Amino acid sequence: MPGRFYAGRSAEARRAERRQRLLDSALALFGEAGYPATSIERVCAAAGVSTRNFYEEFPSRAALLTTVHDRVSRQLLSAVTTALAATAGEPFDRRIAASATAYLTVIGTDPRTARLSYVEIMGVDEEVERHRLRWRERWVALYCAEAQWSDPDSQDVRWGALALLGAMRELGYEWSRSPEGRSLEDVVEQIVRLARCTLRPA
C-alpha cells in the first residue's frame, strides 16, 4: 500500500526531515550549551518537533547524544581514510600529515564538533562510555594498521596508538578553541613528531 503524502511529501520523508532537524539542533545545543544543560524539551523546541515525535526517533537523550557523536565520528573517519587513500605509497610522515590535516580541518570547521567529541561525550553513563570506547577502538585499529603498513616488522603499537589519540584529542580541542594561536601546519607538524615516537618507536 503506497505511503500517505502531506503537502507533496511522503510520511517517510517528513519523518526523515524531523530526525535531521533533531540531530542538527542537538549538535548546536550540546556543542554550545553542553549536554547537561540541554533537555529533550529544549532540543525539540529548537528543532520545531514535538516530544512525541522525539520518542518516535530516540529512546532517550543519551541515545540522541550517541547518534550525533556517531555522525561526527563518521565524518572524521571518512576524512582521515580518504586522506590516507590519497597518499597510498607515500612516506609515513606524509601520510600522517595528510590524515592529521583532514582530521583537524573537520574539527576546526565547526568547534561544536570538537566540544561534542572531546567534552560532552565523556562521563555521561556506562552505555555512552561503551559507545565512546567502541569508537576509540576503531581509531586505535586504524593507526595500528598504519604502523604495520609503514613497517611490517613493527611490534604491537596499541599503547602508542592510544597515546597518539590522546594527544590528537587535546591538540585538536585546544586548536578548535583558539585556531588563531597556532597555524594548522604547526599543529600537524606536532602530531607528525608524536606519531614518529608512538607508532614507530626506535
N, C-alpha and C. Protein backbone atom coordinates (compact mmCIF):
# COMPACT_ATOMS: atom_id res chain seq x y z
N MET A 1 0.85 -1.19 0.00
CA MET A 1 0.00 0.00 0.00
C MET A 1 0.88 1.24 0.00
N PRO A 2 0.67 2.16 -0.96
CA PRO A 2 1.54 3.32 -1.03
C PRO A 2 1.42 4.19 0.20
N GLY A 3 2.53 4.85 0.58
CA GLY A 3 2.52 5.71 1.75
C GLY A 3 1.68 6.95 1.53
N ARG A 4 1.22 7.54 2.60
CA ARG A 4 0.42 8.75 2.52
C ARG A 4 1.31 9.96 2.29
N PHE A 5 0.77 10.94 1.56
CA PHE A 5 1.54 12.15 1.26
C PHE A 5 0.88 13.36 1.91
N TYR A 6 1.72 14.27 2.40
CA TYR A 6 1.26 15.52 3.01
C TYR A 6 2.03 16.65 2.35
N ALA A 7 1.28 17.58 1.75
CA ALA A 7 1.92 18.72 1.08
C ALA A 7 2.98 18.25 0.08
N GLY A 8 2.67 17.16 -0.61
CA GLY A 8 3.56 16.65 -1.63
C GLY A 8 4.72 15.82 -1.14
N ARG A 9 4.79 15.55 0.18
CA ARG A 9 5.88 14.75 0.73
C ARG A 9 5.32 13.54 1.44
N SER A 10 6.02 12.44 1.33
CA SER A 10 5.58 11.22 1.99
C SER A 10 5.78 11.32 3.49
N ALA A 11 5.10 10.47 4.24
CA ALA A 11 5.27 10.43 5.69
C ALA A 11 6.71 10.08 6.04
N GLU A 12 7.31 9.20 5.24
CA GLU A 12 8.70 8.81 5.49
C GLU A 12 9.65 9.99 5.31
N ALA A 13 9.39 10.80 4.28
CA ALA A 13 10.25 11.97 4.04
C ALA A 13 10.09 13.00 5.14
N ARG A 14 8.86 13.18 5.61
CA ARG A 14 8.63 14.13 6.70
C ARG A 14 9.31 13.66 7.98
N ARG A 15 9.25 12.36 8.23
CA ARG A 15 9.89 11.83 9.43
C ARG A 15 11.40 11.97 9.33
N ALA A 16 11.98 11.69 8.15
CA ALA A 16 13.42 11.84 7.97
C ALA A 16 13.85 13.29 8.18
N GLU A 17 13.00 14.23 7.73
CA GLU A 17 13.32 15.64 7.92
C GLU A 17 13.27 16.02 9.39
N ARG A 18 12.28 15.50 10.13
CA ARG A 18 12.20 15.77 11.57
C ARG A 18 13.43 15.24 12.29
N ARG A 19 13.83 14.03 11.91
CA ARG A 19 15.00 13.42 12.54
C ARG A 19 16.25 14.26 12.29
N GLN A 20 16.39 14.74 11.05
CA GLN A 20 17.55 15.57 10.73
C GLN A 20 17.53 16.87 11.53
N ARG A 21 16.37 17.47 11.70
CA ARG A 21 16.29 18.69 12.49
C ARG A 21 16.67 18.43 13.95
N LEU A 22 16.25 17.29 14.48
CA LEU A 22 16.63 16.94 15.85
C LEU A 22 18.14 16.78 15.97
N LEU A 23 18.76 16.11 15.01
CA LEU A 23 20.20 15.91 15.06
C LEU A 23 20.95 17.24 14.93
N ASP A 24 20.50 18.10 14.03
CA ASP A 24 21.15 19.40 13.85
C ASP A 24 21.01 20.25 15.11
N SER A 25 19.82 20.25 15.69
CA SER A 25 19.59 21.04 16.90
C SER A 25 20.40 20.49 18.07
N ALA A 26 20.50 19.17 18.16
CA ALA A 26 21.27 18.57 19.25
C ALA A 26 22.74 18.92 19.13
N LEU A 27 23.30 18.89 17.93
CA LEU A 27 24.70 19.27 17.76
C LEU A 27 24.91 20.72 18.19
N ALA A 28 24.01 21.60 17.80
CA ALA A 28 24.14 23.01 18.16
C ALA A 28 24.06 23.19 19.67
N LEU A 29 23.10 22.56 20.31
CA LEU A 29 22.91 22.76 21.75
C LEU A 29 23.94 22.02 22.59
N PHE A 30 24.20 20.76 22.26
CA PHE A 30 25.23 20.02 23.00
C PHE A 30 26.60 20.68 22.82
N GLY A 31 26.85 21.21 21.62
CA GLY A 31 28.15 21.79 21.33
C GLY A 31 28.31 23.21 21.81
N GLU A 32 27.23 23.85 22.25
CA GLU A 32 27.31 25.23 22.73
C GLU A 32 26.92 25.33 24.20
N ALA A 33 25.72 24.89 24.54
CA ALA A 33 25.27 24.96 25.93
C ALA A 33 25.80 23.79 26.75
N GLY A 34 26.07 22.65 26.09
CA GLY A 34 26.53 21.46 26.79
C GLY A 34 25.41 20.45 26.99
N TYR A 35 25.80 19.20 27.08
CA TYR A 35 24.81 18.12 27.25
C TYR A 35 24.01 18.24 28.54
N PRO A 36 24.65 18.46 29.72
CA PRO A 36 23.86 18.52 30.96
C PRO A 36 22.82 19.63 30.96
N ALA A 37 23.10 20.73 30.25
CA ALA A 37 22.19 21.87 30.25
C ALA A 37 21.12 21.78 29.17
N THR A 38 21.13 20.72 28.39
CA THR A 38 20.22 20.62 27.26
C THR A 38 19.20 19.51 27.49
N SER A 39 17.97 19.91 27.73
CA SER A 39 16.89 18.95 27.95
C SER A 39 16.30 18.50 26.62
N ILE A 40 15.55 17.42 26.67
CA ILE A 40 14.83 16.95 25.48
C ILE A 40 13.89 18.04 24.99
N GLU A 41 13.20 18.69 25.93
CA GLU A 41 12.25 19.74 25.55
C GLU A 41 12.96 20.88 24.82
N ARG A 42 14.17 21.20 25.25
CA ARG A 42 14.92 22.29 24.61
C ARG A 42 15.32 21.90 23.19
N VAL A 43 15.75 20.66 23.01
CA VAL A 43 16.10 20.19 21.67
C VAL A 43 14.87 20.23 20.77
N CYS A 44 13.75 19.75 21.29
CA CYS A 44 12.52 19.71 20.50
C CYS A 44 12.07 21.11 20.10
N ALA A 45 12.16 22.06 21.03
CA ALA A 45 11.77 23.43 20.73
C ALA A 45 12.65 24.01 19.61
N ALA A 46 13.96 23.75 19.70
CA ALA A 46 14.88 24.27 18.69
C ALA A 46 14.62 23.63 17.32
N ALA A 47 14.23 22.36 17.34
CA ALA A 47 14.00 21.63 16.09
C ALA A 47 12.59 21.82 15.54
N GLY A 48 11.70 22.38 16.36
CA GLY A 48 10.31 22.50 15.94
C GLY A 48 9.62 21.15 15.85
N VAL A 49 9.93 20.29 16.80
CA VAL A 49 9.43 18.91 16.81
C VAL A 49 8.79 18.65 18.17
N SER A 50 7.70 17.88 18.18
CA SER A 50 7.05 17.56 19.45
C SER A 50 7.84 16.50 20.21
N THR A 51 7.64 16.45 21.52
CA THR A 51 8.31 15.40 22.29
C THR A 51 7.80 14.02 21.88
N ARG A 52 6.57 13.93 21.47
CA ARG A 52 6.06 12.64 20.98
C ARG A 52 6.87 12.19 19.76
N ASN A 53 7.12 13.12 18.83
CA ASN A 53 7.92 12.79 17.67
C ASN A 53 9.35 12.44 18.06
N PHE A 54 9.88 13.12 19.10
CA PHE A 54 11.23 12.80 19.57
C PHE A 54 11.32 11.33 19.95
N TYR A 55 10.37 10.87 20.74
CA TYR A 55 10.45 9.49 21.24
C TYR A 55 10.12 8.46 20.15
N GLU A 56 9.63 8.92 19.02
CA GLU A 56 9.50 8.01 17.88
C GLU A 56 10.86 7.75 17.23
N GLU A 57 11.81 8.65 17.48
CA GLU A 57 13.14 8.53 16.87
C GLU A 57 14.21 8.04 17.84
N PHE A 58 14.12 8.49 19.09
CA PHE A 58 15.18 8.19 20.06
C PHE A 58 14.56 7.78 21.39
N PRO A 59 15.09 6.73 22.02
CA PRO A 59 14.52 6.30 23.30
C PRO A 59 14.90 7.20 24.47
N SER A 60 15.95 8.02 24.30
CA SER A 60 16.43 8.83 25.41
C SER A 60 17.31 9.96 24.89
N ARG A 61 17.60 10.90 25.77
CA ARG A 61 18.54 11.99 25.44
C ARG A 61 19.94 11.42 25.19
N ALA A 62 20.34 10.41 25.96
CA ALA A 62 21.66 9.80 25.76
C ALA A 62 21.75 9.14 24.39
N ALA A 63 20.66 8.53 23.94
CA ALA A 63 20.65 7.91 22.61
C ALA A 63 20.82 8.98 21.53
N LEU A 64 20.22 10.14 21.74
CA LEU A 64 20.41 11.25 20.79
C LEU A 64 21.88 11.68 20.78
N LEU A 65 22.48 11.78 21.96
CA LEU A 65 23.89 12.17 22.05
C LEU A 65 24.78 11.20 21.28
N THR A 66 24.59 9.90 21.47
CA THR A 66 25.46 8.93 20.80
C THR A 66 25.20 8.93 19.29
N THR A 67 23.97 9.22 18.87
CA THR A 67 23.69 9.28 17.44
C THR A 67 24.40 10.47 16.80
N VAL A 68 24.37 11.62 17.49
CA VAL A 68 25.08 12.79 16.97
C VAL A 68 26.59 12.52 16.97
N HIS A 69 27.08 11.88 18.02
CA HIS A 69 28.51 11.54 18.08
C HIS A 69 28.88 10.58 16.96
N ASP A 70 28.01 9.63 16.65
CA ASP A 70 28.25 8.74 15.52
C ASP A 70 28.42 9.54 14.23
N ARG A 71 27.53 10.50 14.04
CA ARG A 71 27.57 11.29 12.80
C ARG A 71 28.88 12.06 12.69
N VAL A 72 29.29 12.71 13.77
CA VAL A 72 30.55 13.46 13.77
C VAL A 72 31.74 12.51 13.57
N SER A 73 31.72 11.38 14.26
CA SER A 73 32.84 10.44 14.19
C SER A 73 32.96 9.84 12.79
N ARG A 74 31.83 9.54 12.17
CA ARG A 74 31.89 9.02 10.79
C ARG A 74 32.45 10.06 9.84
N GLN A 75 32.10 11.32 10.06
CA GLN A 75 32.64 12.39 9.22
C GLN A 75 34.15 12.48 9.38
N LEU A 76 34.62 12.41 10.62
CA LEU A 76 36.06 12.45 10.88
C LEU A 76 36.77 11.25 10.26
N LEU A 77 36.21 10.06 10.47
CA LEU A 77 36.85 8.85 9.96
C LEU A 77 36.88 8.85 8.44
N SER A 78 35.81 9.31 7.82
CA SER A 78 35.78 9.38 6.36
C SER A 78 36.86 10.33 5.83
N ALA A 79 37.02 11.48 6.48
CA ALA A 79 38.03 12.44 6.04
C ALA A 79 39.43 11.84 6.17
N VAL A 80 39.69 11.16 7.28
CA VAL A 80 41.02 10.59 7.52
C VAL A 80 41.31 9.44 6.55
N THR A 81 40.37 8.53 6.39
CA THR A 81 40.61 7.39 5.49
C THR A 81 40.76 7.85 4.04
N THR A 82 40.02 8.89 3.66
CA THR A 82 40.17 9.44 2.31
C THR A 82 41.58 10.02 2.13
N ALA A 83 42.06 10.72 3.16
CA ALA A 83 43.42 11.29 3.08
C ALA A 83 44.47 10.20 3.00
N LEU A 84 44.29 9.12 3.76
CA LEU A 84 45.26 8.02 3.71
C LEU A 84 45.22 7.32 2.36
N ALA A 85 44.02 7.16 1.79
CA ALA A 85 43.92 6.53 0.48
C ALA A 85 44.59 7.40 -0.59
N ALA A 86 44.48 8.71 -0.45
CA ALA A 86 45.06 9.62 -1.44
C ALA A 86 46.59 9.67 -1.36
N THR A 87 47.15 9.21 -0.24
CA THR A 87 48.61 9.24 -0.08
C THR A 87 49.19 7.82 -0.03
N ALA A 88 48.47 6.87 -0.59
CA ALA A 88 48.96 5.49 -0.63
C ALA A 88 50.32 5.44 -1.32
N GLY A 89 51.25 4.73 -0.69
CA GLY A 89 52.59 4.59 -1.26
C GLY A 89 53.55 5.70 -0.89
N GLU A 90 53.06 6.74 -0.23
CA GLU A 90 53.94 7.85 0.15
C GLU A 90 54.56 7.57 1.53
N PRO A 91 55.60 8.32 1.90
CA PRO A 91 56.28 8.08 3.18
C PRO A 91 55.35 8.27 4.38
N PHE A 92 55.75 7.65 5.48
CA PHE A 92 54.99 7.68 6.73
C PHE A 92 54.63 9.10 7.15
N ASP A 93 55.62 9.99 7.18
CA ASP A 93 55.37 11.36 7.64
C ASP A 93 54.32 12.04 6.77
N ARG A 94 54.39 11.83 5.49
CA ARG A 94 53.43 12.46 4.57
C ARG A 94 52.02 11.95 4.82
N ARG A 95 51.89 10.65 5.06
CA ARG A 95 50.56 10.07 5.29
C ARG A 95 49.97 10.55 6.62
N ILE A 96 50.80 10.59 7.65
CA ILE A 96 50.30 11.08 8.94
C ILE A 96 49.91 12.54 8.83
N ALA A 97 50.72 13.34 8.13
CA ALA A 97 50.40 14.76 7.96
C ALA A 97 49.08 14.94 7.22
N ALA A 98 48.87 14.15 6.19
CA ALA A 98 47.63 14.26 5.42
C ALA A 98 46.42 13.87 6.26
N SER A 99 46.57 12.79 7.04
CA SER A 99 45.44 12.34 7.87
C SER A 99 45.16 13.34 8.99
N ALA A 100 46.21 13.90 9.60
CA ALA A 100 46.03 14.88 10.67
C ALA A 100 45.41 16.16 10.13
N THR A 101 45.82 16.57 8.94
CA THR A 101 45.23 17.77 8.33
C THR A 101 43.74 17.57 8.08
N ALA A 102 43.38 16.40 7.58
CA ALA A 102 41.97 16.11 7.33
C ALA A 102 41.18 16.11 8.63
N TYR A 103 41.73 15.49 9.65
CA TYR A 103 41.07 15.41 10.95
C TYR A 103 40.86 16.80 11.55
N LEU A 104 41.91 17.59 11.57
CA LEU A 104 41.82 18.92 12.19
C LEU A 104 40.94 19.86 11.38
N THR A 105 40.91 19.68 10.07
CA THR A 105 40.06 20.53 9.24
C THR A 105 38.59 20.32 9.58
N VAL A 106 38.20 19.07 9.79
CA VAL A 106 36.81 18.79 10.17
C VAL A 106 36.51 19.38 11.55
N ILE A 107 37.40 19.15 12.50
CA ILE A 107 37.21 19.67 13.85
C ILE A 107 37.19 21.19 13.87
N GLY A 108 38.10 21.80 13.11
CA GLY A 108 38.22 23.25 13.12
C GLY A 108 37.12 23.96 12.36
N THR A 109 36.47 23.25 11.44
CA THR A 109 35.38 23.87 10.67
C THR A 109 34.21 24.24 11.56
N ASP A 110 33.94 23.43 12.56
CA ASP A 110 32.82 23.68 13.47
C ASP A 110 33.25 23.29 14.88
N PRO A 111 33.61 24.26 15.71
CA PRO A 111 34.09 23.95 17.07
C PRO A 111 33.10 23.15 17.91
N ARG A 112 31.83 23.16 17.53
CA ARG A 112 30.85 22.37 18.28
C ARG A 112 31.16 20.88 18.17
N THR A 113 31.71 20.47 17.03
CA THR A 113 32.06 19.06 16.88
C THR A 113 33.18 18.67 17.83
N ALA A 114 34.12 19.61 18.06
CA ALA A 114 35.20 19.33 19.00
C ALA A 114 34.68 19.20 20.42
N ARG A 115 33.82 20.12 20.83
CA ARG A 115 33.28 20.04 22.19
C ARG A 115 32.46 18.76 22.37
N LEU A 116 31.67 18.41 21.37
CA LEU A 116 30.88 17.19 21.48
C LEU A 116 31.79 15.97 21.61
N SER A 117 32.84 15.92 20.78
CA SER A 117 33.71 14.75 20.72
C SER A 117 34.65 14.63 21.90
N TYR A 118 35.06 15.75 22.47
CA TYR A 118 36.11 15.73 23.50
C TYR A 118 35.59 16.01 24.91
N VAL A 119 34.42 16.63 25.02
CA VAL A 119 33.93 17.03 26.34
C VAL A 119 32.58 16.39 26.65
N GLU A 120 31.59 16.63 25.82
CA GLU A 120 30.22 16.25 26.17
C GLU A 120 29.99 14.74 26.15
N ILE A 121 30.78 14.00 25.40
CA ILE A 121 30.61 12.55 25.32
C ILE A 121 31.21 11.84 26.54
N MET A 122 31.98 12.58 27.34
CA MET A 122 32.68 11.97 28.47
C MET A 122 31.82 11.95 29.72
N GLY A 123 31.88 10.82 30.45
CA GLY A 123 31.31 10.74 31.79
C GLY A 123 29.80 10.85 31.89
N VAL A 124 29.09 10.47 30.86
CA VAL A 124 27.62 10.57 30.88
C VAL A 124 27.01 9.41 31.65
N ASP A 125 27.23 8.20 31.15
CA ASP A 125 26.79 6.99 31.84
C ASP A 125 27.54 5.81 31.22
N GLU A 126 27.29 4.61 31.72
CA GLU A 126 28.06 3.45 31.27
C GLU A 126 27.78 3.13 29.80
N GLU A 127 26.55 3.28 29.37
CA GLU A 127 26.22 2.97 27.98
C GLU A 127 26.92 3.92 27.01
N VAL A 128 26.90 5.21 27.34
CA VAL A 128 27.58 6.19 26.48
C VAL A 128 29.08 5.96 26.50
N GLU A 129 29.61 5.57 27.66
CA GLU A 129 31.05 5.30 27.73
C GLU A 129 31.42 4.09 26.87
N ARG A 130 30.59 3.05 26.87
CA ARG A 130 30.86 1.90 25.99
C ARG A 130 30.85 2.34 24.53
N HIS A 131 29.90 3.20 24.20
CA HIS A 131 29.84 3.74 22.83
C HIS A 131 31.14 4.49 22.48
N ARG A 132 31.58 5.35 23.39
CA ARG A 132 32.81 6.11 23.15
C ARG A 132 34.01 5.19 22.98
N LEU A 133 34.09 4.16 23.81
CA LEU A 133 35.23 3.25 23.73
C LEU A 133 35.20 2.42 22.45
N ARG A 134 34.03 2.10 21.96
CA ARG A 134 33.96 1.39 20.67
C ARG A 134 34.56 2.25 19.56
N TRP A 135 34.24 3.53 19.58
CA TRP A 135 34.83 4.42 18.58
C TRP A 135 36.34 4.55 18.79
N ARG A 136 36.75 4.61 20.04
CA ARG A 136 38.19 4.71 20.29
C ARG A 136 38.92 3.51 19.72
N GLU A 137 38.34 2.33 19.84
CA GLU A 137 38.98 1.13 19.31
C GLU A 137 39.07 1.16 17.79
N ARG A 138 38.10 1.77 17.14
CA ARG A 138 38.18 1.89 15.68
C ARG A 138 39.36 2.77 15.28
N TRP A 139 39.57 3.86 16.04
CA TRP A 139 40.71 4.72 15.75
C TRP A 139 42.03 4.04 16.08
N VAL A 140 42.07 3.31 17.17
CA VAL A 140 43.29 2.57 17.52
C VAL A 140 43.63 1.57 16.42
N ALA A 141 42.62 0.85 15.95
CA ALA A 141 42.85 -0.13 14.88
C ALA A 141 43.38 0.54 13.62
N LEU A 142 42.86 1.71 13.31
CA LEU A 142 43.30 2.41 12.11
C LEU A 142 44.78 2.78 12.21
N TYR A 143 45.19 3.32 13.36
CA TYR A 143 46.59 3.74 13.48
C TYR A 143 47.54 2.57 13.70
N CYS A 144 47.05 1.50 14.30
CA CYS A 144 47.88 0.30 14.37
C CYS A 144 48.12 -0.26 12.97
N ALA A 145 47.08 -0.24 12.14
CA ALA A 145 47.23 -0.70 10.75
C ALA A 145 48.18 0.19 9.98
N GLU A 146 48.13 1.48 10.27
CA GLU A 146 49.05 2.42 9.61
C GLU A 146 50.50 2.12 9.98
N ALA A 147 50.74 1.82 11.25
CA ALA A 147 52.09 1.47 11.69
C ALA A 147 52.56 0.19 11.01
N GLN A 148 51.66 -0.78 10.89
CA GLN A 148 52.01 -2.05 10.26
C GLN A 148 52.27 -1.86 8.77
N TRP A 149 51.47 -1.00 8.13
CA TRP A 149 51.67 -0.73 6.70
C TRP A 149 53.02 -0.08 6.47
N SER A 150 53.36 0.86 7.35
CA SER A 150 54.62 1.59 7.20
C SER A 150 55.82 0.70 7.49
N ASP A 151 55.67 -0.19 8.48
CA ASP A 151 56.78 -1.06 8.89
C ASP A 151 56.23 -2.44 9.23
N PRO A 152 56.24 -3.37 8.26
CA PRO A 152 55.66 -4.70 8.50
C PRO A 152 56.29 -5.43 9.69
N ASP A 153 57.48 -5.03 10.09
CA ASP A 153 58.14 -5.69 11.22
C ASP A 153 57.83 -5.02 12.56
N SER A 154 56.94 -4.02 12.54
CA SER A 154 56.64 -3.30 13.78
C SER A 154 55.97 -4.23 14.79
N GLN A 155 56.24 -3.99 16.04
CA GLN A 155 55.65 -4.77 17.12
C GLN A 155 54.28 -4.17 17.49
N ASP A 156 53.68 -4.70 18.54
CA ASP A 156 52.39 -4.20 19.00
C ASP A 156 52.51 -2.72 19.38
N VAL A 157 51.73 -1.88 18.72
CA VAL A 157 51.82 -0.43 18.99
C VAL A 157 50.49 0.10 19.55
N ARG A 158 49.68 -0.79 20.11
CA ARG A 158 48.39 -0.35 20.63
C ARG A 158 48.54 0.79 21.64
N TRP A 159 49.45 0.63 22.58
CA TRP A 159 49.63 1.69 23.58
C TRP A 159 50.12 2.97 22.93
N GLY A 160 50.94 2.83 21.92
CA GLY A 160 51.40 4.01 21.19
C GLY A 160 50.26 4.69 20.46
N ALA A 161 49.36 3.88 19.87
CA ALA A 161 48.21 4.46 19.18
C ALA A 161 47.29 5.18 20.16
N LEU A 162 47.12 4.59 21.36
CA LEU A 162 46.31 5.26 22.39
C LEU A 162 46.93 6.59 22.79
N ALA A 163 48.24 6.60 22.94
CA ALA A 163 48.93 7.85 23.31
C ALA A 163 48.77 8.90 22.22
N LEU A 164 48.88 8.48 20.96
CA LEU A 164 48.73 9.42 19.85
C LEU A 164 47.31 9.98 19.82
N LEU A 165 46.32 9.11 20.01
CA LEU A 165 44.93 9.58 20.00
C LEU A 165 44.67 10.58 21.11
N GLY A 166 45.22 10.31 22.29
CA GLY A 166 45.06 11.26 23.39
C GLY A 166 45.66 12.61 23.05
N ALA A 167 46.83 12.58 22.46
CA ALA A 167 47.49 13.83 22.09
C ALA A 167 46.70 14.57 21.01
N MET A 168 46.20 13.83 20.03
CA MET A 168 45.40 14.45 18.97
C MET A 168 44.13 15.06 19.53
N ARG A 169 43.54 14.39 20.50
CA ARG A 169 42.32 14.92 21.11
C ARG A 169 42.59 16.25 21.80
N GLU A 170 43.65 16.30 22.59
CA GLU A 170 43.96 17.53 23.31
C GLU A 170 44.39 18.65 22.36
N LEU A 171 45.24 18.31 21.39
CA LEU A 171 45.67 19.32 20.44
C LEU A 171 44.51 19.81 19.59
N GLY A 172 43.66 18.87 19.15
CA GLY A 172 42.51 19.24 18.34
C GLY A 172 41.54 20.13 19.08
N TYR A 173 41.30 19.81 20.36
CA TYR A 173 40.38 20.61 21.15
C TYR A 173 40.95 22.01 21.38
N GLU A 174 42.21 22.07 21.75
CA GLU A 174 42.83 23.38 22.01
C GLU A 174 42.84 24.23 20.75
N TRP A 175 43.20 23.62 19.63
CA TRP A 175 43.26 24.38 18.37
C TRP A 175 41.88 24.83 17.92
N SER A 176 40.85 24.00 18.13
CA SER A 176 39.50 24.38 17.72
C SER A 176 38.98 25.57 18.52
N ARG A 177 39.47 25.68 19.76
CA ARG A 177 39.03 26.78 20.62
C ARG A 177 39.73 28.10 20.29
N SER A 178 40.97 28.01 19.83
CA SER A 178 41.72 29.22 19.51
C SER A 178 42.63 28.97 18.31
N PRO A 179 42.04 28.80 17.13
CA PRO A 179 42.85 28.49 15.94
C PRO A 179 43.83 29.59 15.56
N GLU A 180 43.57 30.82 16.04
CA GLU A 180 44.48 31.90 15.72
C GLU A 180 45.80 31.78 16.48
N GLY A 181 45.82 30.96 17.53
CA GLY A 181 47.04 30.82 18.32
C GLY A 181 48.13 30.05 17.63
N ARG A 182 47.76 29.06 16.83
CA ARG A 182 48.71 28.24 16.09
C ARG A 182 48.16 27.98 14.70
N SER A 183 49.03 27.91 13.71
CA SER A 183 48.57 27.58 12.37
C SER A 183 48.26 26.08 12.30
N LEU A 184 47.44 25.72 11.34
CA LEU A 184 47.13 24.30 11.11
C LEU A 184 48.41 23.52 10.85
N GLU A 185 49.30 24.11 10.09
CA GLU A 185 50.56 23.43 9.76
C GLU A 185 51.39 23.15 11.01
N ASP A 186 51.40 24.09 11.96
CA ASP A 186 52.15 23.89 13.20
C ASP A 186 51.60 22.72 14.01
N VAL A 187 50.28 22.64 14.09
CA VAL A 187 49.65 21.56 14.86
C VAL A 187 49.90 20.22 14.17
N VAL A 188 49.78 20.20 12.87
CA VAL A 188 50.02 18.96 12.12
C VAL A 188 51.47 18.51 12.31
N GLU A 189 52.40 19.43 12.27
CA GLU A 189 53.82 19.08 12.47
C GLU A 189 54.03 18.45 13.85
N GLN A 190 53.36 18.98 14.86
CA GLN A 190 53.48 18.41 16.20
C GLN A 190 52.93 16.98 16.23
N ILE A 191 51.82 16.75 15.57
CA ILE A 191 51.22 15.41 15.53
C ILE A 191 52.14 14.44 14.80
N VAL A 192 52.76 14.88 13.73
CA VAL A 192 53.68 14.01 12.99
C VAL A 192 54.86 13.61 13.88
N ARG A 193 55.39 14.57 14.63
CA ARG A 193 56.51 14.26 15.53
C ARG A 193 56.09 13.23 16.59
N LEU A 194 54.89 13.41 17.12
CA LEU A 194 54.39 12.45 18.11
C LEU A 194 54.19 11.08 17.48
N ALA A 195 53.67 11.03 16.27
CA ALA A 195 53.42 9.75 15.60
C ALA A 195 54.72 8.99 15.36
N ARG A 196 55.77 9.72 15.06
CA ARG A 196 57.07 9.04 14.88
C ARG A 196 57.48 8.31 16.16
N CYS A 197 57.22 8.94 17.29
CA CYS A 197 57.60 8.34 18.59
C CYS A 197 56.68 7.22 19.01
N THR A 198 55.38 7.37 18.76
CA THR A 198 54.41 6.41 19.28
C THR A 198 54.15 5.24 18.35
N LEU A 199 54.19 5.49 17.05
CA LEU A 199 53.87 4.42 16.10
C LEU A 199 55.12 3.80 15.49
N ARG A 200 56.25 4.47 15.60
CA ARG A 200 57.50 3.93 15.05
C ARG A 200 58.59 4.04 16.10
N PRO A 201 58.40 3.44 17.27
CA PRO A 201 59.41 3.56 18.32
C PRO A 201 60.72 2.93 17.88
N ALA A 202 61.82 3.51 18.34
CA ALA A 202 63.14 3.01 17.97
C ALA A 202 63.40 1.67 18.64
